[in-house]
PDB file of N, CA and C in Angstrom:
ATOM      1  N   MET A   1      -0.093  17.174 -42.030  1.00  0.00           N
ATOM      2  CA  MET A   1       0.751  16.410 -41.131  1.00  0.00           C
ATOM      3  C   MET A   1       0.339  16.650 -39.665  1.00  0.00           C
ATOM      4  N   HIS A   2       0.072  17.900 -39.347  1.00  0.00           N
ATOM      5  CA  HIS A   2      -0.318  18.251 -37.982  1.00  0.00           C
ATOM      6  C   HIS A   2      -1.642  17.572 -37.610  1.00  0.00           C
ATOM      7  N   ARG A   3      -2.540  17.475 -38.555  1.00  0.00           N
ATOM      8  CA  ARG A   3      -3.836  16.829 -38.312  1.00  0.00           C
ATOM      9  C   ARG A   3      -3.653  15.336 -38.033  1.00  0.00           C
ATOM     10  N   ILE A   4      -2.794  14.674 -38.760  1.00  0.00           N
ATOM     11  CA  ILE A   4      -2.528  13.249 -38.545  1.00  0.00           C
ATOM     12  C   ILE A   4      -1.922  13.034 -37.159  1.00  0.00           C
ATOM     13  N   LEU A   5      -1.027  13.912 -36.766  1.00  0.00           N
ATOM     14  CA  LEU A   5      -0.413  13.821 -35.441  1.00  0.00           C
ATOM     15  C   LEU A   5      -1.463  13.984 -34.339  1.00  0.00           C
ATOM     16  N   ASN A   6      -2.379  14.922 -34.511  1.00  0.00           N
ATOM     17  CA  ASN A   6      -3.463  15.117 -33.535  1.00  0.00           C
ATOM     18  C   ASN A   6      -4.352  13.872 -33.432  1.00  0.00           C
ATOM     19  N   ILE A   7      -4.668  13.274 -34.541  1.00  0.00           N
ATOM     20  CA  ILE A   7      -5.502  12.067 -34.548  1.00  0.00           C
ATOM     21  C   ILE A   7      -4.761  10.925 -33.857  1.00  0.00           C
ATOM     22  N   LEU A   8      -3.474  10.802 -34.133  1.00  0.00           N
ATOM     23  CA  LEU A   8      -2.673   9.758 -33.510  1.00  0.00           C
ATOM     24  C   LEU A   8      -2.614   9.935 -31.991  1.00  0.00           C
ATOM     25  N   VAL A   9      -2.396  11.149 -31.516  1.00  0.00           N
ATOM     26  CA  VAL A   9      -2.364  11.439 -30.080  1.00  0.00           C
ATOM     27  C   VAL A   9      -3.723  11.129 -29.468  1.00  0.00           C
ATOM     28  N   PHE A  10      -4.799  11.512 -30.132  1.00  0.00           N
ATOM     29  CA  PHE A  10      -6.144  11.225 -29.642  1.00  0.00           C
ATOM     30  C   PHE A  10      -6.368   9.716 -29.502  1.00  0.00           C
ATOM     31  N   LEU A  11      -5.950   8.937 -30.485  1.00  0.00           N
ATOM     32  CA  LEU A  11      -6.130   7.485 -30.430  1.00  0.00           C
ATOM     33  C   LEU A  11      -5.312   6.856 -29.308  1.00  0.00           C
ATOM     34  N   ILE A  12      -4.118   7.369 -29.068  1.00  0.00           N
ATOM     35  CA  ILE A  12      -3.289   6.850 -27.984  1.00  0.00           C
ATOM     36  C   ILE A  12      -3.944   7.134 -26.637  1.00  0.00           C
ATOM     37  N   ILE A  13      -4.453   8.347 -26.469  1.00  0.00           N
ATOM     38  CA  ILE A  13      -5.122   8.711 -25.212  1.00  0.00           C
ATOM     39  C   ILE A  13      -6.380   7.860 -25.033  1.00  0.00           C
ATOM     40  N   LEU A  14      -7.130   7.668 -26.081  1.00  0.00           N
ATOM     41  CA  LEU A  14      -8.343   6.863 -26.017  1.00  0.00           C
ATOM     42  C   LEU A  14      -8.027   5.414 -25.648  1.00  0.00           C
ATOM     43  N   SER A  15      -7.005   4.840 -26.251  1.00  0.00           N
ATOM     44  CA  SER A  15      -6.664   3.450 -25.928  1.00  0.00           C
ATOM     45  C   SER A  15      -6.143   3.331 -24.504  1.00  0.00           C
ATOM     46  N   ALA A  16      -5.412   4.311 -24.017  1.00  0.00           N
ATOM     47  CA  ALA A  16      -4.930   4.287 -22.635  1.00  0.00           C
ATOM     48  C   ALA A  16      -6.100   4.354 -21.663  1.00  0.00           C
ATOM     49  N   TYR A  17      -7.093   5.157 -21.953  1.00  0.00           N
ATOM     50  CA  TYR A  17      -8.278   5.258 -21.100  1.00  0.00           C
ATOM     51  C   TYR A  17      -9.008   3.921 -21.030  1.00  0.00           C
ATOM     52  N   GLN A  18      -9.166   3.260 -22.160  1.00  0.00           N
ATOM     53  CA  GLN A  18      -9.883   1.996 -22.194  1.00  0.00           C
ATOM     54  C   GLN A  18      -9.130   0.898 -21.459  1.00  0.00           C
ATOM     55  N   SER A  19      -7.819   0.925 -21.464  1.00  0.00           N
ATOM     56  CA  SER A  19      -7.056  -0.134 -20.820  1.00  0.00           C
ATOM     57  C   SER A  19      -7.045  -0.009 -19.301  1.00  0.00           C
ATOM     58  N   THR A  20      -7.380   1.159 -18.761  1.00  0.00           N
ATOM     59  CA  THR A  20      -7.406   1.326 -17.309  1.00  0.00           C
ATOM     60  C   THR A  20      -8.794   1.090 -16.723  1.00  0.00           C
ATOM     61  N   GLU A  21      -9.759   0.821 -17.548  1.00  0.00           N
ATOM     62  CA  GLU A  21     -11.124   0.584 -17.086  1.00  0.00           C
ATOM     63  C   GLU A  21     -11.191  -0.711 -16.277  1.00  0.00           C
ATOM     64  N   THR A  22     -11.868  -0.687 -15.131  1.00  0.00           N
ATOM     65  CA  THR A  22     -12.027  -1.863 -14.295  1.00  0.00           C
ATOM     66  C   THR A  22     -13.099  -2.760 -14.897  1.00  0.00           C
ATOM     67  N   ILE A  23     -12.788  -4.019 -15.025  1.00  0.00           N
ATOM     68  CA  ILE A  23     -13.710  -4.942 -15.672  1.00  0.00           C
ATOM     69  C   ILE A  23     -14.540  -5.709 -14.653  1.00  0.00           C
ATOM     70  N   GLY A  24     -13.934  -6.238 -13.612  1.00  0.00           N
ATOM     71  CA  GLY A  24     -14.663  -6.989 -12.596  1.00  0.00           C
ATOM     72  C   GLY A  24     -14.722  -8.473 -12.896  1.00  0.00           C
ATOM     73  N   ASN A  25     -15.283  -9.213 -11.961  1.00  0.00           N
ATOM     74  CA  ASN A  25     -15.394 -10.667 -12.111  1.00  0.00           C
ATOM     75  C   ASN A  25     -16.398 -11.020 -13.193  1.00  0.00           C
ATOM     76  N   PRO A  26     -16.210 -12.162 -13.853  1.00  0.00           N
ATOM     77  CA  PRO A  26     -17.188 -12.604 -14.861  1.00  0.00           C
ATOM     78  C   PRO A  26     -18.558 -12.848 -14.229  1.00  0.00           C
ATOM     79  N   THR A  27     -19.589 -12.484 -14.932  1.00  0.00           N
ATOM     80  CA  THR A  27     -20.958 -12.717 -14.481  1.00  0.00           C
ATOM     81  C   THR A  27     -21.472 -14.030 -15.061  1.00  0.00           C
ATOM     82  N   ALA A  28     -22.600 -14.502 -14.551  1.00  0.00           N
ATOM     83  CA  ALA A  28     -23.232 -15.698 -15.102  1.00  0.00           C
ATOM     84  C   ALA A  28     -23.605 -15.472 -16.557  1.00  0.00           C
ATOM     85  N   GLU A  29     -24.108 -14.287 -16.843  1.00  0.00           N
ATOM     86  CA  GLU A  29     -24.497 -13.963 -18.217  1.00  0.00           C
ATOM     87  C   GLU A  29     -23.305 -14.049 -19.168  1.00  0.00           C
ATOM     88  N   GLU A  30     -22.176 -13.473 -18.773  1.00  0.00           N
ATOM     89  CA  GLU A  30     -20.973 -13.519 -19.614  1.00  0.00           C
ATOM     90  C   GLU A  30     -20.461 -14.951 -19.777  1.00  0.00           C
ATOM     91  N   THR A  31     -20.463 -15.697 -18.684  1.00  0.00           N
ATOM     92  CA  THR A  31     -19.965 -17.067 -18.724  1.00  0.00           C
ATOM     93  C   THR A  31     -20.810 -17.932 -19.644  1.00  0.00           C
ATOM     94  N   LEU A  32     -22.127 -17.816 -19.539  1.00  0.00           N
ATOM     95  CA  LEU A  32     -23.013 -18.621 -20.385  1.00  0.00           C
ATOM     96  C   LEU A  32     -23.015 -18.154 -21.839  1.00  0.00           C
ATOM     97  N   ARG A  33     -22.733 -16.887 -22.067  1.00  0.00           N
ATOM     98  CA  ARG A  33     -22.624 -16.405 -23.439  1.00  0.00           C
ATOM     99  C   ARG A  33     -21.397 -17.021 -24.112  1.00  0.00           C
ATOM    100  N   LEU A  34     -20.307 -17.177 -23.358  1.00  0.00           N
ATOM    101  CA  LEU A  34     -19.081 -17.773 -23.901  1.00  0.00           C
ATOM    102  C   LEU A  34     -19.192 -19.285 -24.052  1.00  0.00           C
ATOM    103  N   ASP A  35     -19.947 -19.928 -23.157  1.00  0.00           N
ATOM    104  CA  ASP A  35     -20.106 -21.384 -23.186  1.00  0.00           C
ATOM    105  C   ASP A  35     -21.510 -21.740 -22.718  1.00  0.00           C
ATOM    106  N   GLN A  36     -22.398 -22.001 -23.662  1.00  0.00           N
ATOM    107  CA  GLN A  36     -23.795 -22.307 -23.332  1.00  0.00           C
ATOM    108  C   GLN A  36     -23.931 -23.570 -22.496  1.00  0.00           C
ATOM    109  N   ASN A  37     -22.931 -24.460 -22.559  1.00  0.00           N
ATOM    110  CA  ASN A  37     -22.985 -25.714 -21.818  1.00  0.00           C
ATOM    111  C   ASN A  37     -22.243 -25.652 -20.488  1.00  0.00           C
ATOM    112  N   ALA A  38     -21.796 -24.470 -20.091  1.00  0.00           N
ATOM    113  CA  ALA A  38     -21.066 -24.327 -18.827  1.00  0.00           C
ATOM    114  C   ALA A  38     -21.930 -24.796 -17.663  1.00  0.00           C
ATOM    115  N   ASN A  39     -21.293 -25.432 -16.689  1.00  0.00           N
ATOM    116  CA  ASN A  39     -21.952 -25.887 -15.470  1.00  0.00           C
ATOM    117  C   ASN A  39     -21.508 -24.924 -14.377  1.00  0.00           C
ATOM    118  N   ILE A  40     -22.395 -23.998 -13.979  1.00  0.00           N
ATOM    119  CA  ILE A  40     -22.001 -22.917 -13.062  1.00  0.00           C
ATOM    120  C   ILE A  40     -22.985 -22.779 -11.902  1.00  0.00           C
ATOM    121  N   PHE A  41     -22.514 -22.133 -10.850  1.00  0.00           N
ATOM    122  CA  PHE A  41     -23.389 -21.674  -9.771  1.00  0.00           C
ATOM    123  C   PHE A  41     -22.798 -20.413  -9.169  1.00  0.00           C
ATOM    124  N   MET A  42     -23.626 -19.678  -8.416  1.00  0.00           N
ATOM    125  CA  MET A  42     -23.179 -18.434  -7.792  1.00  0.00           C
ATOM    126  C   MET A  42     -23.165 -18.583  -6.275  1.00  0.00           C
ATOM    127  N   TYR A  43     -22.028 -18.165  -5.688  1.00  0.00           N
ATOM    128  CA  TYR A  43     -21.850 -18.178  -4.237  1.00  0.00           C
ATOM    129  C   TYR A  43     -21.097 -16.908  -3.853  1.00  0.00           C
ATOM    130  N   LYS A  44     -21.610 -16.165  -2.903  1.00  0.00           N
ATOM    131  CA  LYS A  44     -21.016 -14.902  -2.451  1.00  0.00           C
ATOM    132  C   LYS A  44     -20.707 -13.976  -3.631  1.00  0.00           C
ATOM    133  N   ASP A  45     -21.688 -13.824  -4.510  1.00  0.00           N
ATOM    134  CA  ASP A  45     -21.614 -12.924  -5.660  1.00  0.00           C
ATOM    135  C   ASP A  45     -20.501 -13.275  -6.646  1.00  0.00           C
ATOM    136  N   THR A  46     -20.053 -14.519  -6.630  1.00  0.00           N
ATOM    137  CA  THR A  46     -18.996 -14.977  -7.529  1.00  0.00           C
ATOM    138  C   THR A  46     -19.464 -16.232  -8.248  1.00  0.00           C
ATOM    139  N   ILE A  47     -19.120 -16.328  -9.531  1.00  0.00           N
ATOM    140  CA  ILE A  47     -19.480 -17.497 -10.328  1.00  0.00           C
ATOM    141  C   ILE A  47     -18.404 -18.565 -10.175  1.00  0.00           C
ATOM    142  N   TYR A  48     -18.849 -19.798  -9.994  1.00  0.00           N
ATOM    143  CA  TYR A  48     -17.976 -20.971  -9.951  1.00  0.00           C
ATOM    144  C   TYR A  48     -18.316 -21.855 -11.138  1.00  0.00           C
ATOM    145  N   ASN A  49     -17.290 -22.379 -11.809  1.00  0.00           N
ATOM    146  CA  ASN A  49     -17.449 -23.117 -13.055  1.00  0.00           C
ATOM    147  C   ASN A  49     -16.830 -24.513 -12.945  1.00  0.00           C
ATOM    148  N   ALA A  50     -17.562 -25.531 -13.377  1.00  0.00           N
ATOM    149  CA  ALA A  50     -17.054 -26.913 -13.378  1.00  0.00           C
ATOM    150  C   ALA A  50     -16.402 -27.218 -14.727  1.00  0.00           C
ATOM    151  N   GLY A  51     -15.679 -28.317 -14.763  1.00  0.00           N
ATOM    152  CA  GLY A  51     -15.102 -28.780 -16.023  1.00  0.00           C
ATOM    153  C   GLY A  51     -13.763 -28.167 -16.369  1.00  0.00           C
ATOM    154  N   VAL A  52     -13.043 -27.677 -15.377  1.00  0.00           N
ATOM    155  CA  VAL A  52     -11.706 -27.130 -15.603  1.00  0.00           C
ATOM    156  C   VAL A  52     -10.721 -28.288 -15.434  1.00  0.00           C
ATOM    157  N   PRO A  53     -10.081 -28.745 -16.519  1.00  0.00           N
ATOM    158  CA  PRO A  53      -9.281 -29.970 -16.457  1.00  0.00           C
ATOM    159  C   PRO A  53      -8.216 -29.998 -15.355  1.00  0.00           C
ATOM    160  N   TRP A  54      -7.469 -28.924 -15.188  1.00  0.00           N
ATOM    161  CA  TRP A  54      -6.398 -28.963 -14.181  1.00  0.00           C
ATOM    162  C   TRP A  54      -6.963 -29.025 -12.765  1.00  0.00           C
ATOM    163  N   VAL A  55      -8.157 -28.476 -12.551  1.00  0.00           N
ATOM    164  CA  VAL A  55      -8.799 -28.543 -11.234  1.00  0.00           C
ATOM    165  C   VAL A  55      -9.217 -29.984 -10.940  1.00  0.00           C
ATOM    166  N   ASP A  56      -9.734 -30.668 -11.963  1.00  0.00           N
ATOM    167  CA  ASP A  56     -10.170 -32.053 -11.787  1.00  0.00           C
ATOM    168  C   ASP A  56      -9.004 -32.993 -11.492  1.00  0.00           C
ATOM    169  N   GLU A  57      -7.789 -32.600 -11.833  1.00  0.00           N
ATOM    170  CA  GLU A  57      -6.611 -33.445 -11.608  1.00  0.00           C
ATOM    171  C   GLU A  57      -5.985 -33.249 -10.225  1.00  0.00           C
ATOM    172  N   LEU A  58      -6.381 -32.216  -9.499  1.00  0.00           N
ATOM    173  CA  LEU A  58      -5.775 -31.929  -8.198  1.00  0.00           C
ATOM    174  C   LEU A  58      -6.187 -32.950  -7.145  1.00  0.00           C
ATOM    175  N   ASP A  59      -5.296 -33.191  -6.198  1.00  0.00           N
ATOM    176  CA  ASP A  59      -5.591 -34.040  -5.051  1.00  0.00           C
ATOM    177  C   ASP A  59      -6.177 -33.134  -3.960  1.00  0.00           C
ATOM    178  N   LEU A  60      -7.493 -33.203  -3.763  1.00  0.00           N
ATOM    179  CA  LEU A  60      -8.182 -32.301  -2.835  1.00  0.00           C
ATOM    180  C   LEU A  60      -8.956 -33.082  -1.787  1.00  0.00           C
ATOM    181  N   THR A  61      -9.127 -32.449  -0.631  1.00  0.00           N
ATOM    182  CA  THR A  61      -9.879 -33.039   0.479  1.00  0.00           C
ATOM    183  C   THR A  61     -11.105 -32.182   0.761  1.00  0.00           C
ATOM    184  N   LYS A  62     -12.279 -32.814   0.686  1.00  0.00           N
ATOM    185  CA  LYS A  62     -13.521 -32.102   0.980  1.00  0.00           C
ATOM    186  C   LYS A  62     -13.540 -31.704   2.455  1.00  0.00           C
ATOM    187  N   ASP A  63     -13.951 -30.469   2.725  1.00  0.00           N
ATOM    188  CA  ASP A  63     -13.990 -29.947   4.089  1.00  0.00           C
ATOM    189  C   ASP A  63     -15.443 -29.736   4.495  1.00  0.00           C
ATOM    190  N   ILE A  64     -15.746 -28.641   5.147  1.00  0.00           N
ATOM    191  CA  ILE A  64     -17.085 -28.411   5.697  1.00  0.00           C
ATOM    192  C   ILE A  64     -18.070 -27.911   4.638  1.00  0.00           C
ATOM    193  N   GLU A  65     -19.343 -28.216   4.866  1.00  0.00           N
ATOM    194  CA  GLU A  65     -20.425 -27.706   4.005  1.00  0.00           C
ATOM    195  C   GLU A  65     -20.586 -26.213   4.273  1.00  0.00           C
ATOM    196  N   ILE A  66     -20.705 -25.435   3.185  1.00  0.00           N
ATOM    197  CA  ILE A  66     -20.839 -23.985   3.350  1.00  0.00           C
ATOM    198  C   ILE A  66     -22.149 -23.422   2.813  1.00  0.00           C
ATOM    199  N   THR A  67     -22.777 -24.136   1.912  1.00  0.00           N
ATOM    200  CA  THR A  67     -24.036 -23.651   1.336  1.00  0.00           C
ATOM    201  C   THR A  67     -24.701 -24.792   0.584  1.00  0.00           C
ATOM    202  N   GLU A  68     -25.847 -24.493  -0.001  1.00  0.00           N
ATOM    203  CA  GLU A  68     -26.488 -25.443  -0.902  1.00  0.00           C
ATOM    204  C   GLU A  68     -27.195 -24.672  -2.004  1.00  0.00           C
ATOM    205  N   ILE A  69     -27.490 -25.368  -3.074  1.00  0.00           N
ATOM    206  CA  ILE A  69     -28.168 -24.736  -4.210  1.00  0.00           C
ATOM    207  C   ILE A  69     -29.637 -24.534  -3.827  1.00  0.00           C
ATOM    208  N   THR A  70     -30.105 -23.299  -3.996  1.00  0.00           N
ATOM    209  CA  THR A  70     -31.480 -22.960  -3.613  1.00  0.00           C
ATOM    210  C   THR A  70     -32.364 -22.570  -4.796  1.00  0.00           C
ATOM    211  N   HIS A  71     -31.750 -22.300  -5.945  1.00  0.00           N
ATOM    212  CA  HIS A  71     -32.511 -21.891  -7.131  1.00  0.00           C
ATOM    213  C   HIS A  71     -31.912 -22.523  -8.384  1.00  0.00           C
ATOM    214  N   LYS A  72     -32.770 -22.730  -9.361  1.00  0.00           N
ATOM    215  CA  LYS A  72     -32.342 -23.199 -10.669  1.00  0.00           C
ATOM    216  C   LYS A  72     -32.491 -22.016 -11.622  1.00  0.00           C
ATOM    217  N   GLY A  73     -31.470 -21.745 -12.415  1.00  0.00           N
ATOM    218  CA  GLY A  73     -31.528 -20.642 -13.368  1.00  0.00           C
ATOM    219  C   GLY A  73     -30.926 -21.045 -14.690  1.00  0.00           C
ATOM    220  N   TYR A  74     -31.525 -20.578 -15.763  1.00  0.00           N
ATOM    221  CA  TYR A  74     -31.024 -20.929 -17.090  1.00  0.00           C
ATOM    222  C   TYR A  74     -30.507 -19.705 -17.839  1.00  0.00           C
ATOM    223  N   ARG A  75     -30.951 -18.522 -17.443  1.00  0.00           N
ATOM    224  CA  ARG A  75     -30.484 -17.282 -18.064  1.00  0.00           C
ATOM    225  C   ARG A  75     -29.560 -16.577 -17.076  1.00  0.00           C
ATOM    226  N   GLY A  76     -28.439 -16.108 -17.570  1.00  0.00           N
ATOM    227  CA  GLY A  76     -27.444 -15.484 -16.709  1.00  0.00           C
ATOM    228  C   GLY A  76     -27.977 -14.344 -15.876  1.00  0.00           C
ATOM    229  N   GLU A  77     -28.869 -13.558 -16.455  1.00  0.00           N
ATOM    230  CA  GLU A  77     -29.382 -12.395 -15.726  1.00  0.00           C
ATOM    231  C   GLU A  77     -30.278 -12.787 -14.545  1.00  0.00           C
ATOM    232  N   ASP A  78     -30.700 -14.060 -14.484  1.00  0.00           N
ATOM    233  CA  ASP A  78     -31.546 -14.529 -13.390  1.00  0.00           C
ATOM    234  C   ASP A  78     -30.750 -15.030 -12.184  1.00  0.00           C
ATOM    235  N   PHE A  79     -29.418 -15.077 -12.312  1.00  0.00           N
ATOM    236  CA  PHE A  79     -28.598 -15.654 -11.247  1.00  0.00           C
ATOM    237  C   PHE A  79     -28.505 -14.733 -10.043  1.00  0.00           C
ATOM    238  N   LYS A  80     -28.574 -15.365  -8.869  1.00  0.00           N
ATOM    239  CA  LYS A  80     -28.301 -14.716  -7.588  1.00  0.00           C
ATOM    240  C   LYS A  80     -27.600 -15.775  -6.744  1.00  0.00           C
ATOM    241  N   ASN A  81     -27.134 -15.409  -5.572  1.00  0.00           N
ATOM    242  CA  ASN A  81     -26.443 -16.387  -4.731  1.00  0.00           C
ATOM    243  C   ASN A  81     -27.332 -17.605  -4.495  1.00  0.00           C
ATOM    244  N   GLY A  82     -26.754 -18.798  -4.668  1.00  0.00           N
ATOM    245  CA  GLY A  82     -27.493 -20.046  -4.510  1.00  0.00           C
ATOM    246  C   GLY A  82     -28.092 -20.577  -5.793  1.00  0.00           C
ATOM    247  N   THR A  83     -27.901 -19.875  -6.916  1.00  0.00           N
ATOM    248  CA  THR A  83     -28.461 -20.302  -8.198  1.00  0.00           C
ATOM    249  C   THR A  83     -27.448 -21.139  -8.969  1.00  0.00           C
ATOM    250  N   ALA A  84     -27.934 -22.225  -9.574  1.00  0.00           N
ATOM    251  CA  ALA A  84     -27.124 -23.072 -10.453  1.00  0.00           C
ATOM    252  C   ALA A  84     -27.922 -23.364 -11.714  1.00  0.00           C
ATOM    253  N   ASN A  85     -27.218 -23.643 -12.801  1.00  0.00           N
ATOM    254  CA  ASN A  85     -27.933 -23.973 -14.033  1.00  0.00           C
ATOM    255  C   ASN A  85     -28.033 -25.477 -14.264  1.00  0.00           C
ATOM    256  N   LYS A  86     -27.166 -26.278 -13.666  1.00  0.00           N
ATOM    257  CA  LYS A  86     -27.215 -27.722 -13.890  1.00  0.00           C
ATOM    258  C   LYS A  86     -27.352 -28.532 -12.599  1.00  0.00           C
ATOM    259  N   LEU A  87     -26.863 -28.005 -11.487  1.00  0.00           N
ATOM    260  CA  LEU A  87     -27.000 -28.720 -10.216  1.00  0.00           C
ATOM    261  C   LEU A  87     -28.449 -28.665  -9.740  1.00  0.00           C
ATOM    262  N   LYS A  88     -28.874 -29.708  -9.042  1.00  0.00           N
ATOM    263  CA  LYS A  88     -30.224 -29.753  -8.499  1.00  0.00           C
ATOM    264  C   LYS A  88     -30.346 -28.854  -7.279  1.00  0.00           C
ATOM    265  N   VAL A  89     -31.536 -28.300  -7.078  1.00  0.00           N
ATOM    266  CA  VAL A  89     -31.820 -27.569  -5.842  1.00  0.00           C
ATOM    267  C   VAL A  89     -31.622 -28.548  -4.684  1.00  0.00           C
ATOM    268  N   GLY A  90     -30.932 -28.093  -3.649  1.00  0.00           N
ATOM    269  CA  GLY A  90     -30.630 -28.940  -2.503  1.00  0.00           C
ATOM    270  C   GLY A  90     -29.226 -29.536  -2.540  1.00  0.00           C
ATOM    271  N   THR A  91     -28.530 -29.402  -3.669  1.00  0.00           N
ATOM    272  CA  THR A  91     -27.158 -29.906  -3.758  1.00  0.00           C
ATOM    273  C   THR A  91     -26.282 -29.179  -2.747  1.00  0.00           C
ATOM    274  N   LYS A  92     -25.539 -29.929  -1.976  1.00  0.00           N
ATOM    275  CA  LYS A  92     -24.676 -29.355  -0.945  1.00  0.00           C
ATOM    276  C   LYS A  92     -23.316 -28.987  -1.531  1.00  0.00           C
ATOM    277  N   ILE A  93     -22.797 -27.834  -1.080  1.00  0.00           N
ATOM    278  CA  ILE A  93     -21.522 -27.307  -1.565  1.00  0.00           C
ATOM    279  C   ILE A  93     -20.532 -27.275  -0.404  1.00  0.00           C
ATOM    280  N   TYR A  94     -19.306 -27.721  -0.668  1.00  0.00           N
ATOM    281  CA  TYR A  94     -18.276 -27.846   0.366  1.00  0.00           C
ATOM    282  C   TYR A  94     -17.012 -27.068   0.007  1.00  0.00           C
ATOM    283  N   LEU A  95     -16.338 -26.603   1.048  1.00  0.00           N
ATOM    284  CA  LEU A  95     -14.980 -26.072   0.900  1.00  0.00           C
ATOM    285  C   LEU A  95     -14.029 -27.233   0.659  1.00  0.00           C
ATOM    286  N   VAL A  96     -12.819 -26.929   0.175  1.00  0.00           N
ATOM    287  CA  VAL A  96     -11.739 -27.906   0.159  1.00  0.00           C
ATOM    288  C   VAL A  96     -10.635 -27.389   1.078  1.00  0.00           C
ATOM    289  N   LYS A  97      -9.905 -28.285   1.682  1.00  0.00           N
ATOM    290  CA  LYS A  97      -8.884 -27.894   2.659  1.00  0.00           C
ATOM    291  C   LYS A  97      -7.680 -27.214   2.006  1.00  0.00           C
ATOM    292  N   GLU A  98      -7.351 -27.600   0.795  1.00  0.00           N
ATOM    293  CA  GLU A  98      -6.097 -27.168   0.180  1.00  0.00           C
ATOM    294  C   GLU A  98      -6.159 -25.816  -0.520  1.00  0.00           C
ATOM    295  N   ARG A  99      -7.326 -25.378  -0.955  1.00  0.00           N
ATOM    296  CA  ARG A  99      -7.429 -24.148  -1.749  1.00  0.00           C
ATOM    297  C   ARG A  99      -8.695 -23.387  -1.395  1.00  0.00           C
ATOM    298  N   LYS A 100      -8.649 -22.074  -1.592  1.00  0.00           N
ATOM    299  CA  LYS A 100      -9.815 -21.226  -1.314  1.00  0.00           C
ATOM    300  C   LYS A 100     -10.610 -20.911  -2.581  1.00  0.00           C
ATOM    301  N   ASP A 101     -10.077 -21.244  -3.745  1.00  0.00           N
ATOM    302  CA  ASP A 101     -10.731 -20.900  -5.011  1.00  0.00           C
ATOM    303  C   ASP A 101     -11.439 -22.080  -5.670  1.00  0.00           C
ATOM    304  N   ILE A 102     -11.564 -23.186  -4.954  1.00  0.00           N
ATOM    305  CA  ILE A 102     -12.244 -24.369  -5.479  1.00  0.00           C
ATOM    306  C   ILE A 102     -13.272 -24.832  -4.447  1.00  0.00           C
ATOM    307  N   LEU A 103     -14.465 -25.147  -4.934  1.00  0.00           N
ATOM    308  CA  LEU A 103     -15.526 -25.716  -4.097  1.00  0.00           C
ATOM    309  C   LEU A 103     -15.950 -27.047  -4.705  1.00  0.00           C
ATOM    310  N   ILE A 104     -16.542 -27.898  -3.891  1.00  0.00           N
ATOM    311  CA  ILE A 104     -17.016 -29.206  -4.361  1.00  0.00           C
ATOM    312  C   ILE A 104     -18.517 -29.315  -4.142  1.00  0.00           C
ATOM    313  N   ALA A 105     -19.218 -29.745  -5.197  1.00  0.00           N
ATOM    314  CA  ALA A 105     -20.649 -30.036  -5.107  1.00  0.00           C
ATOM    315  C   ALA A 105     -20.806 -31.543  -4.970  1.00  0.00           C
ATOM    316  N   GLU A 106     -21.571 -31.960  -3.981  1.00  0.00           N
ATOM    317  CA  GLU A 106     -21.817 -33.383  -3.749  1.00  0.00           C
ATOM    318  C   GLU A 106     -23.109 -33.763  -4.462  1.00  0.00           C
ATOM    319  N   THR A 107     -23.005 -34.608  -5.498  1.00  0.00           N
ATOM    320  CA  THR A 107     -24.176 -34.986  -6.290  1.00  0.00           C
ATOM    321  C   THR A 107     -24.389 -36.500  -6.243  1.00  0.00           C
ATOM    322  N   ASP A 108     -25.540 -36.953  -6.753  1.00  0.00           N
ATOM    323  CA  ASP A 108     -25.855 -38.378  -6.837  1.00  0.00           C
ATOM    324  C   ASP A 108     -24.841 -39.130  -7.697  1.00  0.00           C
ATOM    325  N   LYS A 109     -24.261 -38.430  -8.663  1.00  0.00           N
ATOM    326  CA  LYS A 109     -23.317 -39.057  -9.598  1.00  0.00           C
ATOM    327  C   LYS A 109     -21.862 -38.862  -9.179  1.00  0.00           C
ATOM    328  N   GLY A 110     -21.646 -38.332  -7.991  1.00  0.00           N
ATOM    329  CA  GLY A 110     -20.290 -38.109  -7.503  1.00  0.00           C
ATOM    330  C   GLY A 110     -20.006 -36.633  -7.309  1.00  0.00           C
ATOM    331  N   ASP A 111     -18.852 -36.349  -6.753  1.00  0.00           N
ATOM    332  CA  ASP A 111     -18.458 -34.968  -6.487  1.00  0.00           C
ATOM    333  C   ASP A 111     -18.065 -34.254  -7.773  1.00  0.00           C
ATOM    334  N   ILE A 112     -18.425 -32.963  -7.843  1.00  0.00           N
ATOM    335  CA  ILE A 112     -18.048 -32.112  -8.982  1.00  0.00           C
ATOM    336  C   ILE A 112     -17.279 -30.934  -8.419  1.00  0.00           C
ATOM    337  N   ARG A 113     -16.126 -30.657  -9.019  1.00  0.00           N
ATOM    338  CA  ARG A 113     -15.283 -29.547  -8.575  1.00  0.00           C
ATOM    339  C   ARG A 113     -15.597 -28.295  -9.370  1.00  0.00           C
ATOM    340  N   PHE A 114     -15.659 -27.171  -8.677  1.00  0.00           N
ATOM    341  CA  PHE A 114     -15.972 -25.883  -9.281  1.00  0.00           C
ATOM    342  C   PHE A 114     -14.866 -24.900  -8.971  1.00  0.00           C
ATOM    343  N   TYR A 115     -14.415 -24.205 -10.013  1.00  0.00           N
ATOM    344  CA  TYR A 115     -13.343 -23.214  -9.880  1.00  0.00           C
ATOM    345  C   TYR A 115     -13.933 -21.812  -9.880  1.00  0.00           C
ATOM    346  N   GLN A 116     -13.443 -20.988  -8.968  1.00  0.00           N
ATOM    347  CA  GLN A 116     -13.916 -19.610  -8.809  1.00  0.00           C
ATOM    348  C   GLN A 116     -13.442 -18.759  -9.998  1.00  0.00           C
ATOM    349  N   LEU A 117     -14.380 -18.081 -10.644  1.00  0.00           N
ATOM    350  CA  LEU A 117     -14.038 -17.210 -11.769  1.00  0.00           C
ATOM    351  C   LEU A 117     -13.854 -15.788 -11.262  1.00  0.00           C
ATOM    352  N   VAL A 118     -12.613 -15.342 -11.229  1.00  0.00           N
ATOM    353  CA  VAL A 118     -12.305 -13.991 -10.779  1.00  0.00           C
ATOM    354  C   VAL A 118     -11.398 -13.309 -11.793  1.00  0.00           C
ATOM    355  N   GLU A 119     -11.532 -12.009 -11.870  1.00  0.00           N
ATOM    356  CA  GLU A 119     -10.696 -11.201 -12.757  1.00  0.00           C
ATOM    357  C   GLU A 119      -9.338 -10.986 -12.116  1.00  0.00           C
ATOM    358  N   GLY A 120      -8.312 -11.147 -12.920  1.00  0.00           N
ATOM    359  CA  GLY A 120      -6.958 -10.829 -12.448  1.00  0.00           C
ATOM    360  C   GLY A 120      -6.368 -11.940 -11.745  1.00  0.00           C
TER     361      GLY A 120
END
């Protein structure tokens, strides 16, 4: 009985340790592993993802240009700031006036909204 109690206490301590571990923002590698067809780019060390239905429904106003796509990447581990997997190099990226967690890419086929992927 004492041995079972010790094992139970050990498992509780172990699970508590794992739950306090800091995870951090999703990486390009993690995002593409979960969805191979994800449309993403990296800006200021953060991944932005297109195709979020509720983001596409928002009434947003495009603001100033803040960056542009400078690299094309297909593997998550190759991503750095300015890298996109589906946007063309040279695509301009804009802030929106209403929110800080959404950016707009201006493309030949129209604007695409990207949502910032952050933990928590």
